[in-house]
Amino acid sequence: MCSRRRFRLVVLSNVDRASFEGSRRRLGVEFAHVITAENVGSYKPAPANFAALTEYARRDGLRLLHVAQSLFHDHLPARRAGLPGVWINRRHDRPGWGATPDPGRPVTPDWEYPSLAAFAEAAVGR
């Protein structure tokens, strides 16, 4: 079954619309909706970004599953917004936080995968 029949992809990104458009073209994926920092007027982890996401989902009757790498920018505020989450732990085999800040407190996403490809395979059930 095609994943578009089962899932709608919504992006919540810390970039402007023009920058994301370049990424979207390279990804070659169809997104149901794109919310950028430019749209919201703030950057994650600001609550307004997650409020924009949850409002979009509410209007369209969607249930959200938040999938992201950064515990600091994504998973902490997503938890505060009441969203279940999948942590794409790209640093699963290395210590430290890499380019993202230490979240400063424990964060326990609902699921964890070492890559987006591993999550996609599990979600689509190949």
PDB file of N, CA and C in Angstrom:
ATOM      1  N   MET A   1       0.844  -1.181   0.000  1.00  0.00           N
ATOM      2  CA  MET A   1       0.000   0.000   0.000  1.00  0.00           C
ATOM      3  C   MET A   1       0.885   1.239   0.000  1.00  0.00           C
ATOM      4  N   CYS A   2       0.522   2.179  -0.794  1.00  0.00           N
ATOM      5  CA  CYS A   2       1.257   3.439  -0.868  1.00  0.00           C
ATOM      6  C   CYS A   2       1.107   4.213   0.444  1.00  0.00           C
ATOM      7  N   SER A   3       2.228   4.729   0.964  1.00  0.00           N
ATOM      8  CA  SER A   3       2.178   5.433   2.249  1.00  0.00           C
ATOM      9  C   SER A   3       1.294   6.677   2.198  1.00  0.00           C
ATOM     10  N   ARG A   4       1.124   7.299   1.025  1.00  0.00           N
ATOM     11  CA  ARG A   4       0.262   8.487   0.942  1.00  0.00           C
ATOM     12  C   ARG A   4      -1.179   8.150   1.264  1.00  0.00           C
ATOM     13  N   ARG A   5      -1.568   6.924   1.086  1.00  0.00           N
ATOM     14  CA  ARG A   5      -2.934   6.519   1.437  1.00  0.00           C
ATOM     15  C   ARG A   5      -3.090   6.352   2.939  1.00  0.00           C
ATOM     16  N   ARG A   6      -2.012   6.099   3.628  1.00  0.00           N
ATOM     17  CA  ARG A   6      -2.072   5.865   5.067  1.00  0.00           C
ATOM     18  C   ARG A   6      -1.619   7.054   5.890  1.00  0.00           C
ATOM     19  N   PHE A   7      -0.722   7.887   5.333  1.00  0.00           N
ATOM     20  CA  PHE A   7      -0.118   8.976   6.087  1.00  0.00           C
ATOM     21  C   PHE A   7      -0.105  10.252   5.261  1.00  0.00           C
ATOM     22  N   ARG A   8      -0.264  11.368   5.948  1.00  0.00           N
ATOM     23  CA  ARG A   8      -0.081  12.674   5.325  1.00  0.00           C
ATOM     24  C   ARG A   8       1.125  13.306   5.991  1.00  0.00           C
ATOM     25  N   LEU A   9       2.061  13.754   5.196  1.00  0.00           N
ATOM     26  CA  LEU A   9       3.276  14.360   5.733  1.00  0.00           C
ATOM     27  C   LEU A   9       3.082  15.860   5.884  1.00  0.00           C
ATOM     28  N   VAL A  10       3.360  16.327   7.097  1.00  0.00           N
ATOM     29  CA  VAL A  10       3.274  17.747   7.414  1.00  0.00           C
ATOM     30  C   VAL A  10       4.644  18.161   7.952  1.00  0.00           C
ATOM     31  N   VAL A  11       5.171  19.232   7.435  1.00  0.00           N
ATOM     32  CA  VAL A  11       6.486  19.713   7.845  1.00  0.00           C
ATOM     33  C   VAL A  11       6.334  20.900   8.784  1.00  0.00           C
ATOM     34  N   LEU A  12       7.104  20.866   9.869  1.00  0.00           N
ATOM     35  CA  LEU A  12       7.255  22.006  10.773  1.00  0.00           C
ATOM     36  C   LEU A  12       8.747  22.305  10.807  1.00  0.00           C
ATOM     37  N   SER A  13       9.164  23.357  10.118  1.00  0.00           N
ATOM     38  CA  SER A  13      10.590  23.588   9.895  1.00  0.00           C
ATOM     39  C   SER A  13      11.046  24.952  10.391  1.00  0.00           C
ATOM     40  N   ASN A  14      12.309  25.013  10.804  1.00  0.00           N
ATOM     41  CA  ASN A  14      12.917  26.247  11.285  1.00  0.00           C
ATOM     42  C   ASN A  14      13.584  27.040  10.160  1.00  0.00           C
ATOM     43  N   VAL A  15      13.035  26.995   8.973  1.00  0.00           N
ATOM     44  CA  VAL A  15      13.583  27.761   7.854  1.00  0.00           C
ATOM     45  C   VAL A  15      12.502  28.654   7.258  1.00  0.00           C
ATOM     46  N   ASP A  16      12.895  29.443   6.267  1.00  0.00           N
ATOM     47  CA  ASP A  16      11.928  30.266   5.544  1.00  0.00           C
ATOM     48  C   ASP A  16      11.330  29.441   4.393  1.00  0.00           C
ATOM     49  N   ARG A  17      10.258  29.942   3.816  1.00  0.00           N
ATOM     50  CA  ARG A  17       9.545  29.209   2.760  1.00  0.00           C
ATOM     51  C   ARG A  17      10.427  28.938   1.548  1.00  0.00           C
ATOM     52  N   ALA A  18      11.190  29.922   1.104  1.00  0.00           N
ATOM     53  CA  ALA A  18      12.034  29.742  -0.080  1.00  0.00           C
ATOM     54  C   ALA A  18      13.100  28.669   0.154  1.00  0.00           C
ATOM     55  N   SER A  19      13.709  28.672   1.320  1.00  0.00           N
ATOM     56  CA  SER A  19      14.730  27.660   1.629  1.00  0.00           C
ATOM     57  C   SER A  19      14.119  26.270   1.668  1.00  0.00           C
ATOM     58  N   PHE A  20      12.950  26.148   2.270  1.00  0.00           N
ATOM     59  CA  PHE A  20      12.330  24.829   2.322  1.00  0.00           C
ATOM     60  C   PHE A  20      11.931  24.362   0.926  1.00  0.00           C
ATOM     61  N   GLU A  21      11.520  25.260   0.073  1.00  0.00           N
ATOM     62  CA  GLU A  21      11.131  24.875  -1.284  1.00  0.00           C
ATOM     63  C   GLU A  21      12.271  24.172  -2.010  1.00  0.00           C
ATOM     64  N   GLY A  22      13.490  24.654  -1.818  1.00  0.00           N
ATOM     65  CA  GLY A  22      14.649  23.976  -2.404  1.00  0.00           C
ATOM     66  C   GLY A  22      14.801  22.567  -1.873  1.00  0.00           C
ATOM     67  N   SER A  23      14.613  22.388  -0.582  1.00  0.00           N
ATOM     68  CA  SER A  23      14.684  21.043   0.013  1.00  0.00           C
ATOM     69  C   SER A  23      13.562  20.160  -0.493  1.00  0.00           C
ATOM     70  N   ARG A  24      12.368  20.718  -0.577  1.00  0.00           N
ATOM     71  CA  ARG A  24      11.223  19.929  -1.038  1.00  0.00           C
ATOM     72  C   ARG A  24      11.463  19.385  -2.440  1.00  0.00           C
ATOM     73  N   ARG A  25      11.984  20.217  -3.318  1.00  0.00           N
ATOM     74  CA  ARG A  25      12.259  19.758  -4.688  1.00  0.00           C
ATOM     75  C   ARG A  25      13.266  18.616  -4.692  1.00  0.00           C
ATOM     76  N   ARG A  26      14.320  18.724  -3.878  1.00  0.00           N
ATOM     77  CA  ARG A  26      15.336  17.662  -3.826  1.00  0.00           C
ATOM     78  C   ARG A  26      14.786  16.377  -3.216  1.00  0.00           C
ATOM     79  N   LEU A  27      13.901  16.500  -2.237  1.00  0.00           N
ATOM     80  CA  LEU A  27      13.335  15.315  -1.593  1.00  0.00           C
ATOM     81  C   LEU A  27      12.387  14.558  -2.519  1.00  0.00           C
ATOM     82  N   GLY A  28      11.681  15.285  -3.354  1.00  0.00           N
ATOM     83  CA  GLY A  28      10.750  14.637  -4.274  1.00  0.00           C
ATOM     84  C   GLY A  28       9.585  13.972  -3.571  1.00  0.00           C
ATOM     85  N   VAL A  29       9.173  14.535  -2.446  1.00  0.00           N
ATOM     86  CA  VAL A  29       8.086  13.976  -1.644  1.00  0.00           C
ATOM     87  C   VAL A  29       6.927  14.961  -1.657  1.00  0.00           C
ATOM     88  N   GLU A  30       5.724  14.442  -1.647  1.00  0.00           N
ATOM     89  CA  GLU A  30       4.548  15.308  -1.582  1.00  0.00           C
ATOM     90  C   GLU A  30       4.175  15.550  -0.123  1.00  0.00           C
ATOM     91  N   PHE A  31       4.115  16.818   0.266  1.00  0.00           N
ATOM     92  CA  PHE A  31       3.739  17.177   1.625  1.00  0.00           C
ATOM     93  C   PHE A  31       2.320  17.713   1.630  1.00  0.00           C
ATOM     94  N   ALA A  32       1.542  17.305   2.610  1.00  0.00           N
ATOM     95  CA  ALA A  32       0.174  17.792   2.745  1.00  0.00           C
ATOM     96  C   ALA A  32       0.168  19.261   3.163  1.00  0.00           C
ATOM     97  N   HIS A  33       1.160  19.650   3.949  1.00  0.00           N
ATOM     98  CA  HIS A  33       1.214  21.026   4.448  1.00  0.00           C
ATOM     99  C   HIS A  33       2.637  21.314   4.909  1.00  0.00           C
ATOM    100  N   VAL A  34       3.064  22.555   4.757  1.00  0.00           N
ATOM    101  CA  VAL A  34       4.381  22.984   5.212  1.00  0.00           C
ATOM    102  C   VAL A  34       4.204  24.222   6.081  1.00  0.00           C
ATOM    103  N   ILE A  35       4.726  24.142   7.301  1.00  0.00           N
ATOM    104  CA  ILE A  35       4.698  25.262   8.235  1.00  0.00           C
ATOM    105  C   ILE A  35       6.153  25.629   8.503  1.00  0.00           C
ATOM    106  N   THR A  36       6.522  26.851   8.180  1.00  0.00           N
ATOM    107  CA  THR A  36       7.904  27.284   8.391  1.00  0.00           C
ATOM    108  C   THR A  36       7.967  28.317   9.510  1.00  0.00           C
ATOM    109  N   ALA A  37       9.184  28.570   9.963  1.00  0.00           N
ATOM    110  CA  ALA A  37       9.396  29.626  10.955  1.00  0.00           C
ATOM    111  C   ALA A  37       8.915  30.970  10.399  1.00  0.00           C
ATOM    112  N   GLU A  38       9.071  31.150   9.109  1.00  0.00           N
ATOM    113  CA  GLU A  38       8.594  32.378   8.475  1.00  0.00           C
ATOM    114  C   GLU A  38       7.072  32.501   8.588  1.00  0.00           C
ATOM    115  N   ASN A  39       6.345  31.401   8.415  1.00  0.00           N
ATOM    116  CA  ASN A  39       4.883  31.424   8.546  1.00  0.00           C
ATOM    117  C   ASN A  39       4.456  31.807   9.956  1.00  0.00           C
ATOM    118  N   VAL A  40       5.138  31.244  10.934  1.00  0.00           N
ATOM    119  CA  VAL A  40       4.742  31.404  12.333  1.00  0.00           C
ATOM    120  C   VAL A  40       5.294  32.685  12.942  1.00  0.00           C
ATOM    121  N   GLY A  41       6.469  33.084  12.503  1.00  0.00           N
ATOM    122  CA  GLY A  41       7.105  34.269  13.071  1.00  0.00           C
ATOM    123  C   GLY A  41       7.970  33.951  14.270  1.00  0.00           C
ATOM    124  N   SER A  42       8.327  32.681  14.434  1.00  0.00           N
ATOM    125  CA  SER A  42       9.227  32.269  15.511  1.00  0.00           C
ATOM    126  C   SER A  42       9.888  30.952  15.109  1.00  0.00           C
ATOM    127  N   TYR A  43      10.887  30.583  15.892  1.00  0.00           N
ATOM    128  CA  TYR A  43      11.629  29.354  15.649  1.00  0.00           C
ATOM    129  C   TYR A  43      11.351  28.343  16.746  1.00  0.00           C
ATOM    130  N   LYS A  44      11.367  27.054  16.376  1.00  0.00           N
ATOM    131  CA  LYS A  44      11.298  26.011  17.386  1.00  0.00           C
ATOM    132  C   LYS A  44      12.508  26.167  18.305  1.00  0.00           C
ATOM    133  N   PRO A  45      12.339  26.025  19.568  1.00  0.00           N
ATOM    134  CA  PRO A  45      11.286  25.337  20.309  1.00  0.00           C
ATOM    135  C   PRO A  45      10.133  26.211  20.793  1.00  0.00           C
ATOM    136  N   ALA A  46       9.907  27.372  20.209  1.00  0.00           N
ATOM    137  CA  ALA A  46       8.815  28.243  20.658  1.00  0.00           C
ATOM    138  C   ALA A  46       7.470  27.531  20.585  1.00  0.00           C
ATOM    139  N   PRO A  47       6.643  27.683  21.603  1.00  0.00           N
ATOM    140  CA  PRO A  47       5.320  27.040  21.611  1.00  0.00           C
ATOM    141  C   PRO A  47       4.438  27.418  20.422  1.00  0.00           C
ATOM    142  N   ALA A  48       4.615  28.625  19.877  1.00  0.00           N
ATOM    143  CA  ALA A  48       3.775  29.062  18.751  1.00  0.00           C
ATOM    144  C   ALA A  48       3.925  28.153  17.538  1.00  0.00           C
ATOM    145  N   ASN A  49       5.106  27.598  17.341  1.00  0.00           N
ATOM    146  CA  ASN A  49       5.313  26.717  16.195  1.00  0.00           C
ATOM    147  C   ASN A  49       4.481  25.446  16.339  1.00  0.00           C
ATOM    148  N   PHE A  50       4.453  24.893  17.534  1.00  0.00           N
ATOM    149  CA  PHE A  50       3.687  23.665  17.764  1.00  0.00           C
ATOM    150  C   PHE A  50       2.193  23.951  17.832  1.00  0.00           C
ATOM    151  N   ALA A  51       1.825  25.162  18.263  1.00  0.00           N
ATOM    152  CA  ALA A  51       0.418  25.566  18.231  1.00  0.00           C
ATOM    153  C   ALA A  51      -0.071  25.645  16.783  1.00  0.00           C
ATOM    154  N   ALA A  52       0.766  26.154  15.875  1.00  0.00           N
ATOM    155  CA  ALA A  52       0.394  26.217  14.456  1.00  0.00           C
ATOM    156  C   ALA A  52       0.200  24.814  13.893  1.00  0.00           C
ATOM    157  N   LEU A  53       1.075  23.894  14.270  1.00  0.00           N
ATOM    158  CA  LEU A  53       0.962  22.512  13.813  1.00  0.00           C
ATOM    159  C   LEU A  53      -0.306  21.847  14.338  1.00  0.00           C
ATOM    160  N   THR A  54      -0.564  21.973  15.623  1.00  0.00           N
ATOM    161  CA  THR A  54      -1.743  21.319  16.196  1.00  0.00           C
ATOM    162  C   THR A  54      -3.032  21.961  15.696  1.00  0.00           C
ATOM    163  N   GLU A  55      -3.019  23.258  15.427  1.00  0.00           N
ATOM    164  CA  GLU A  55      -4.205  23.914  14.871  1.00  0.00           C
ATOM    165  C   GLU A  55      -4.490  23.404  13.464  1.00  0.00           C
ATOM    166  N   TYR A  56      -3.462  23.247  12.651  1.00  0.00           N
ATOM    167  CA  TYR A  56      -3.651  22.687  11.311  1.00  0.00           C
ATOM    168  C   TYR A  56      -4.262  21.281  11.412  1.00  0.00           C
ATOM    169  N   ALA A  57      -3.707  20.463  12.288  1.00  0.00           N
ATOM    170  CA  ALA A  57      -4.215  19.096  12.440  1.00  0.00           C
ATOM    171  C   ALA A  57      -5.659  19.094  12.929  1.00  0.00           C
ATOM    172  N   ARG A  58      -5.983  19.977  13.858  1.00  0.00           N
ATOM    173  CA  ARG A  58      -7.351  20.057  14.371  1.00  0.00           C
ATOM    174  C   ARG A  58      -8.324  20.419  13.253  1.00  0.00           C
ATOM    175  N   ARG A  59      -7.979  21.433  12.459  1.00  0.00           N
ATOM    176  CA  ARG A  59      -8.851  21.861  11.357  1.00  0.00           C
ATOM    177  C   ARG A  59      -9.082  20.754  10.336  1.00  0.00           C
ATOM    178  N   ASP A  60      -8.050  19.935  10.081  1.00  0.00           N
ATOM    179  CA  ASP A  60      -8.176  18.871   9.082  1.00  0.00           C
ATOM    180  C   ASP A  60      -8.559  17.517   9.687  1.00  0.00           C
ATOM    181  N   GLY A  61      -8.785  17.487  10.997  1.00  0.00           N
ATOM    182  CA  GLY A  61      -9.181  16.236  11.645  1.00  0.00           C
ATOM    183  C   GLY A  61      -8.091  15.175  11.642  1.00  0.00           C
ATOM    184  N   LEU A  62      -6.846  15.600  11.765  1.00  0.00           N
ATOM    185  CA  LEU A  62      -5.713  14.670  11.731  1.00  0.00           C
ATOM    186  C   LEU A  62      -5.233  14.323  13.129  1.00  0.00           C
ATOM    187  N   ARG A  63      -4.741  13.119  13.268  1.00  0.00           N
ATOM    188  CA  ARG A  63      -3.981  12.737  14.465  1.00  0.00           C
ATOM    189  C   ARG A  63      -2.520  12.864  14.104  1.00  0.00           C
ATOM    190  N   LEU A  64      -1.746  13.476  14.983  1.00  0.00           N
ATOM    191  CA  LEU A  64      -0.344  13.727  14.690  1.00  0.00           C
ATOM    192  C   LEU A  64       0.576  12.731  15.371  1.00  0.00           C
ATOM    193  N   LEU A  65       1.634  12.372  14.673  1.00  0.00           N
ATOM    194  CA  LEU A  65       2.767  11.657  15.234  1.00  0.00           C
ATOM    195  C   LEU A  65       3.979  12.494  14.861  1.00  0.00           C
ATOM    196  N   HIS A  66       4.603  13.098  15.853  1.00  0.00           N
ATOM    197  CA  HIS A  66       5.722  13.995  15.622  1.00  0.00           C
ATOM    198  C   HIS A  66       6.996  13.169  15.453  1.00  0.00           C
ATOM    199  N   VAL A  67       7.689  13.351  14.341  1.00  0.00           N
ATOM    200  CA  VAL A  67       8.911  12.610  14.027  1.00  0.00           C
ATOM    201  C   VAL A  67      10.031  13.624  13.839  1.00  0.00           C
ATOM    202  N   ALA A  68      11.086  13.529  14.658  1.00  0.00           N
ATOM    203  CA  ALA A  68      12.160  14.513  14.588  1.00  0.00           C
ATOM    204  C   ALA A  68      13.426  13.990  15.243  1.00  0.00           C
ATOM    205  N   GLN A  69      14.528  14.702  14.996  1.00  0.00           N
ATOM    206  CA  GLN A  69      15.815  14.336  15.559  1.00  0.00           C
ATOM    207  C   GLN A  69      16.127  15.086  16.850  1.00  0.00           C
ATOM    208  N   SER A  70      15.863  16.369  16.910  1.00  0.00           N
ATOM    209  CA  SER A  70      16.310  17.189  18.032  1.00  0.00           C
ATOM    210  C   SER A  70      15.395  17.064  19.254  1.00  0.00           C
ATOM    211  N   LEU A  71      15.978  16.586  20.340  1.00  0.00           N
ATOM    212  CA  LEU A  71      15.214  16.537  21.587  1.00  0.00           C
ATOM    213  C   LEU A  71      14.920  17.959  22.067  1.00  0.00           C
ATOM    214  N   PHE A  72      15.893  18.862  21.927  1.00  0.00           N
ATOM    215  CA  PHE A  72      15.756  20.237  22.389  1.00  0.00           C
ATOM    216  C   PHE A  72      14.738  21.027  21.563  1.00  0.00           C
ATOM    217  N   HIS A  73      14.915  21.046  20.239  1.00  0.00           N
ATOM    218  CA  HIS A  73      14.066  21.860  19.368  1.00  0.00           C
ATOM    219  C   HIS A  73      12.694  21.244  19.105  1.00  0.00           C
ATOM    220  N   ASP A  74      12.598  19.939  19.172  1.00  0.00           N
ATOM    221  CA  ASP A  74      11.375  19.260  18.750  1.00  0.00           C
ATOM    222  C   ASP A  74      10.661  18.463  19.838  1.00  0.00           C
ATOM    223  N   HIS A  75      11.352  17.534  20.451  1.00  0.00           N
ATOM    224  CA  HIS A  75      10.647  16.612  21.339  1.00  0.00           C
ATOM    225  C   HIS A  75      10.170  17.247  22.641  1.00  0.00           C
ATOM    226  N   LEU A  76      10.965  18.123  23.251  1.00  0.00           N
ATOM    227  CA  LEU A  76      10.479  18.797  24.465  1.00  0.00           C
ATOM    228  C   LEU A  76       9.225  19.625  24.185  1.00  0.00           C
ATOM    229  N   PRO A  77       9.243  20.518  23.201  1.00  0.00           N
ATOM    230  CA  PRO A  77       8.022  21.298  22.958  1.00  0.00           C
ATOM    231  C   PRO A  77       6.871  20.462  22.406  1.00  0.00           C
ATOM    232  N   ALA A  78       7.164  19.404  21.668  1.00  0.00           N
ATOM    233  CA  ALA A  78       6.086  18.539  21.166  1.00  0.00           C
ATOM    234  C   ALA A  78       5.387  17.844  22.330  1.00  0.00           C
ATOM    235  N   ARG A  79       6.163  17.417  23.317  1.00  0.00           N
ATOM    236  CA  ARG A  79       5.569  16.801  24.524  1.00  0.00           C
ATOM    237  C   ARG A  79       4.667  17.807  25.235  1.00  0.00           C
ATOM    238  N   ARG A  80       5.156  19.032  25.363  1.00  0.00           N
ATOM    239  CA  ARG A  80       4.354  20.075  26.011  1.00  0.00           C
ATOM    240  C   ARG A  80       3.054  20.317  25.252  1.00  0.00           C
ATOM    241  N   ALA A  81       3.075  20.122  23.943  1.00  0.00           N
ATOM    242  CA  ALA A  81       1.878  20.288  23.113  1.00  0.00           C
ATOM    243  C   ALA A  81       1.016  19.033  23.099  1.00  0.00           C
ATOM    244  N   GLY A  82       1.460  17.987  23.816  1.00  0.00           N
ATOM    245  CA  GLY A  82       0.671  16.758  23.919  1.00  0.00           C
ATOM    246  C   GLY A  82       0.820  15.798  22.759  1.00  0.00           C
ATOM    247  N   LEU A  83       1.904  15.919  21.995  1.00  0.00           N
ATOM    248  CA  LEU A  83       2.082  15.066  20.818  1.00  0.00           C
ATOM    249  C   LEU A  83       2.905  13.823  21.115  1.00  0.00           C
ATOM    250  N   PRO A  84       2.493  12.678  20.607  1.00  0.00           N
ATOM    251  CA  PRO A  84       3.354  11.500  20.672  1.00  0.00           C
ATOM    252  C   PRO A  84       4.524  11.699  19.727  1.00  0.00           C
ATOM    253  N   GLY A  85       5.651  11.050  20.017  1.00  0.00           N
ATOM    254  CA  GLY A  85       6.823  11.326  19.203  1.00  0.00           C
ATOM    255  C   GLY A  85       7.700  10.138  18.883  1.00  0.00           C
ATOM    256  N   VAL A  86       8.368  10.258  17.741  1.00  0.00           N
ATOM    257  CA  VAL A  86       9.380   9.302  17.294  1.00  0.00           C
ATOM    258  C   VAL A  86      10.695  10.062  17.214  1.00  0.00           C
ATOM    259  N   TRP A  87      11.689   9.578  17.943  1.00  0.00           N
ATOM    260  CA  TRP A  87      13.007  10.199  17.928  1.00  0.00           C
ATOM    261  C   TRP A  87      13.857   9.523  16.872  1.00  0.00           C
ATOM    262  N   ILE A  88      14.315  10.302  15.896  1.00  0.00           N
ATOM    263  CA  ILE A  88      15.269   9.804  14.916  1.00  0.00           C
ATOM    264  C   ILE A  88      16.648  10.096  15.504  1.00  0.00           C
ATOM    265  N   ASN A  89      17.181   9.111  16.192  1.00  0.00           N
ATOM    266  CA  ASN A  89      18.427   9.254  16.952  1.00  0.00           C
ATOM    267  C   ASN A  89      19.620   8.931  16.057  1.00  0.00           C
ATOM    268  N   ARG A  90      19.969   9.888  15.215  1.00  0.00           N
ATOM    269  CA  ARG A  90      21.073   9.684  14.276  1.00  0.00           C
ATOM    270  C   ARG A  90      22.407   9.476  14.987  1.00  0.00           C
ATOM    271  N   ARG A  91      22.498   9.943  16.207  1.00  0.00           N
ATOM    272  CA  ARG A  91      23.743   9.790  16.971  1.00  0.00           C
ATOM    273  C   ARG A  91      23.678   8.574  17.893  1.00  0.00           C
ATOM    274  N   HIS A  92      22.857   7.607  17.580  1.00  0.00           N
ATOM    275  CA  HIS A  92      22.649   6.443  18.449  1.00  0.00           C
ATOM    276  C   HIS A  92      23.936   5.711  18.799  1.00  0.00           C
ATOM    277  N   ASP A  93      24.940   5.809  17.948  1.00  0.00           N
ATOM    278  CA  ASP A  93      26.198   5.101  18.183  1.00  0.00           C
ATOM    279  C   ASP A  93      27.342   6.032  18.598  1.00  0.00           C
ATOM    280  N   ARG A  94      27.006   7.298  18.925  1.00  0.00           N
ATOM    281  CA  ARG A  94      28.011   8.286  19.327  1.00  0.00           C
ATOM    282  C   ARG A  94      27.523   9.072  20.529  1.00  0.00           C
ATOM    283  N   PRO A  95      28.432   9.474  21.393  1.00  0.00           N
ATOM    284  CA  PRO A  95      28.019  10.290  22.538  1.00  0.00           C
ATOM    285  C   PRO A  95      27.757  11.735  22.132  1.00  0.00           C
ATOM    286  N   GLY A  96      27.094  12.457  23.000  1.00  0.00           N
ATOM    287  CA  GLY A  96      26.888  13.890  22.805  1.00  0.00           C
ATOM    288  C   GLY A  96      25.659  14.211  21.988  1.00  0.00           C
ATOM    289  N   TRP A  97      25.450  15.510  21.784  1.00  0.00           N
ATOM    290  CA  TRP A  97      24.238  15.997  21.126  1.00  0.00           C
ATOM    291  C   TRP A  97      24.463  16.453  19.703  1.00  0.00           C
ATOM    292  N   GLY A  98      25.708  16.498  19.256  1.00  0.00           N
ATOM    293  CA  GLY A  98      25.971  16.959  17.902  1.00  0.00           C
ATOM    294  C   GLY A  98      25.669  18.438  17.763  1.00  0.00           C
ATOM    295  N   ALA A  99      24.970  18.820  16.695  1.00  0.00           N
ATOM    296  CA  ALA A  99      24.701  20.230  16.403  1.00  0.00           C
ATOM    297  C   ALA A  99      23.532  20.801  17.195  1.00  0.00           C
ATOM    298  N   THR A 100      22.790  19.968  17.902  1.00  0.00           N
ATOM    299  CA  THR A 100      21.644  20.474  18.662  1.00  0.00           C
ATOM    300  C   THR A 100      22.005  20.573  20.140  1.00  0.00           C
ATOM    301  N   PRO A 101      21.415  21.524  20.852  1.00  0.00           N
ATOM    302  CA  PRO A 101      21.727  21.672  22.277  1.00  0.00           C
ATOM    303  C   PRO A 101      21.223  20.498  23.118  1.00  0.00           C
ATOM    304  N   ASP A 102      21.889  20.296  24.233  1.00  0.00           N
ATOM    305  CA  ASP A 102      21.425  19.358  25.251  1.00  0.00           C
ATOM    306  C   ASP A 102      20.015  19.787  25.644  1.00  0.00           C
ATOM    307  N   PRO A 103      19.062  18.859  25.729  1.00  0.00           N
ATOM    308  CA  PRO A 103      17.699  19.262  26.077  1.00  0.00           C
ATOM    309  C   PRO A 103      17.569  19.817  27.491  1.00  0.00           C
ATOM    310  N   GLY A 104      18.553  19.564  28.354  1.00  0.00           N
ATOM    311  CA  GLY A 104      18.530  20.142  29.686  1.00  0.00           C
ATOM    312  C   GLY A 104      17.686  19.384  30.690  1.00  0.00           C
ATOM    313  N   ARG A 105      16.937  18.427  30.234  1.00  0.00           N
ATOM    314  CA  ARG A 105      16.142  17.578  31.132  1.00  0.00           C
ATOM    315  C   ARG A 105      15.782  16.305  30.384  1.00  0.00           C
ATOM    316  N   PRO A 106      15.402  15.269  31.111  1.00  0.00           N
ATOM    317  CA  PRO A 106      15.080  14.007  30.430  1.00  0.00           C
ATOM    318  C   PRO A 106      13.883  14.141  29.485  1.00  0.00           C
ATOM    319  N   VAL A 107      14.003  13.529  28.338  1.00  0.00           N
ATOM    320  CA  VAL A 107      12.933  13.477  27.347  1.00  0.00           C
ATOM    321  C   VAL A 107      12.813  12.028  26.917  1.00  0.00           C
ATOM    322  N   THR A 108      11.605  11.504  26.930  1.00  0.00           N
ATOM    323  CA  THR A 108      11.400  10.121  26.539  1.00  0.00           C
ATOM    324  C   THR A 108      10.371  10.039  25.422  1.00  0.00           C
ATOM    325  N   PRO A 109      10.842  10.074  24.164  1.00  0.00           N
ATOM    326  CA  PRO A 109       9.904   9.902  23.056  1.00  0.00           C
ATOM    327  C   PRO A 109       9.254   8.515  23.118  1.00  0.00           C
ATOM    328  N   ASP A 110       8.143   8.368  22.452  1.00  0.00           N
ATOM    329  CA  ASP A 110       7.420   7.097  22.472  1.00  0.00           C
ATOM    330  C   ASP A 110       8.160   5.984  21.742  1.00  0.00           C
ATOM    331  N   TRP A 111       8.847   6.350  20.654  1.00  0.00           N
ATOM    332  CA  TRP A 111       9.601   5.378  19.871  1.00  0.00           C
ATOM    333  C   TRP A 111      10.929   5.994  19.471  1.00  0.00           C
ATOM    334  N   GLU A 112      11.886   5.139  19.131  1.00  0.00           N
ATOM    335  CA  GLU A 112      13.209   5.610  18.715  1.00  0.00           C
ATOM    336  C   GLU A 112      13.721   4.740  17.579  1.00  0.00           C
ATOM    337  N   TYR A 113      14.267   5.400  16.553  1.00  0.00           N
ATOM    338  CA  TYR A 113      14.869   4.713  15.415  1.00  0.00           C
ATOM    339  C   TYR A 113      16.199   5.384  15.110  1.00  0.00           C
ATOM    340  N   PRO A 114      17.177   4.636  14.566  1.00  0.00           N
ATOM    341  CA  PRO A 114      18.489   5.213  14.277  1.00  0.00           C
ATOM    342  C   PRO A 114      18.521   6.079  13.021  1.00  0.00           C
ATOM    343  N   SER A 115      17.486   5.989  12.188  1.00  0.00           N
ATOM    344  CA  SER A 115      17.447   6.787  10.958  1.00  0.00           C
ATOM    345  C   SER A 115      16.003   6.959  10.512  1.00  0.00           C
ATOM    346  N   LEU A 116      15.790   7.950   9.672  1.00  0.00           N
ATOM    347  CA  LEU A 116      14.462   8.151   9.108  1.00  0.00           C
ATOM    348  C   LEU A 116      14.087   6.978   8.210  1.00  0.00           C
ATOM    349  N   ALA A 117      15.061   6.414   7.513  1.00  0.00           N
ATOM    350  CA  ALA A 117      14.807   5.251   6.652  1.00  0.00           C
ATOM    351  C   ALA A 117      14.312   4.065   7.481  1.00  0.00           C
ATOM    352  N   ALA A 118      14.918   3.841   8.644  1.00  0.00           N
ATOM    353  CA  ALA A 118      14.504   2.722   9.512  1.00  0.00           C
ATOM    354  C   ALA A 118      13.083   2.946  10.018  1.00  0.00           C
ATOM    355  N   PHE A 119      12.758   4.190  10.378  1.00  0.00           N
ATOM    356  CA  PHE A 119      11.391   4.484  10.811  1.00  0.00           C
ATOM    357  C   PHE A 119      10.403   4.288   9.668  1.00  0.00           C
ATOM    358  N   ALA A 120      10.724   4.811   8.492  1.00  0.00           N
ATOM    359  CA  ALA A 120       9.826   4.687   7.346  1.00  0.00           C
ATOM    360  C   ALA A 120       9.561   3.220   7.008  1.00  0.00           C
ATOM    361  N   GLU A 121      10.585   2.412   7.068  1.00  0.00           N
ATOM    362  CA  GLU A 121      10.422   0.977   6.786  1.00  0.00           C
ATOM    363  C   GLU A 121       9.482   0.338   7.810  1.00  0.00           C
ATOM    364  N   ALA A 122       9.643   0.686   9.073  1.00  0.00           N
ATOM    365  CA  ALA A 122       8.776   0.148  10.125  1.00  0.00           C
ATOM    366  C   ALA A 122       7.339   0.646   9.968  1.00  0.00           C
ATOM    367  N   ALA A 123       7.191   1.918   9.614  1.00  0.00           N
ATOM    368  CA  ALA A 123       5.863   2.518   9.516  1.00  0.00           C
ATOM    369  C   ALA A 123       5.077   2.013   8.309  1.00  0.00           C
ATOM    370  N   VAL A 124       5.766   1.830   7.203  1.00  0.00           N
ATOM    371  CA  VAL A 124       5.102   1.406   5.974  1.00  0.00           C
ATOM    372  C   VAL A 124       4.982  -0.111   5.926  1.00  0.00           C
ATOM    373  N   GLY A 125       5.851  -0.803   6.637  1.00  0.00           N
ATOM    374  CA  GLY A 125       5.767  -2.253   6.714  1.00  0.00           C
ATOM    375  C   GLY A 125       6.149  -2.957   5.424  1.00  0.00           C
ATOM    376  N   ARG A 126       7.345  -2.709   4.981  1.00  0.00           N
ATOM    377  CA  ARG A 126       7.798  -3.319   3.714  1.00  0.00           C
ATOM    378  C   ARG A 126       8.039  -4.765   3.836  1.00  0.00           C
TER     379      ARG A 126
END
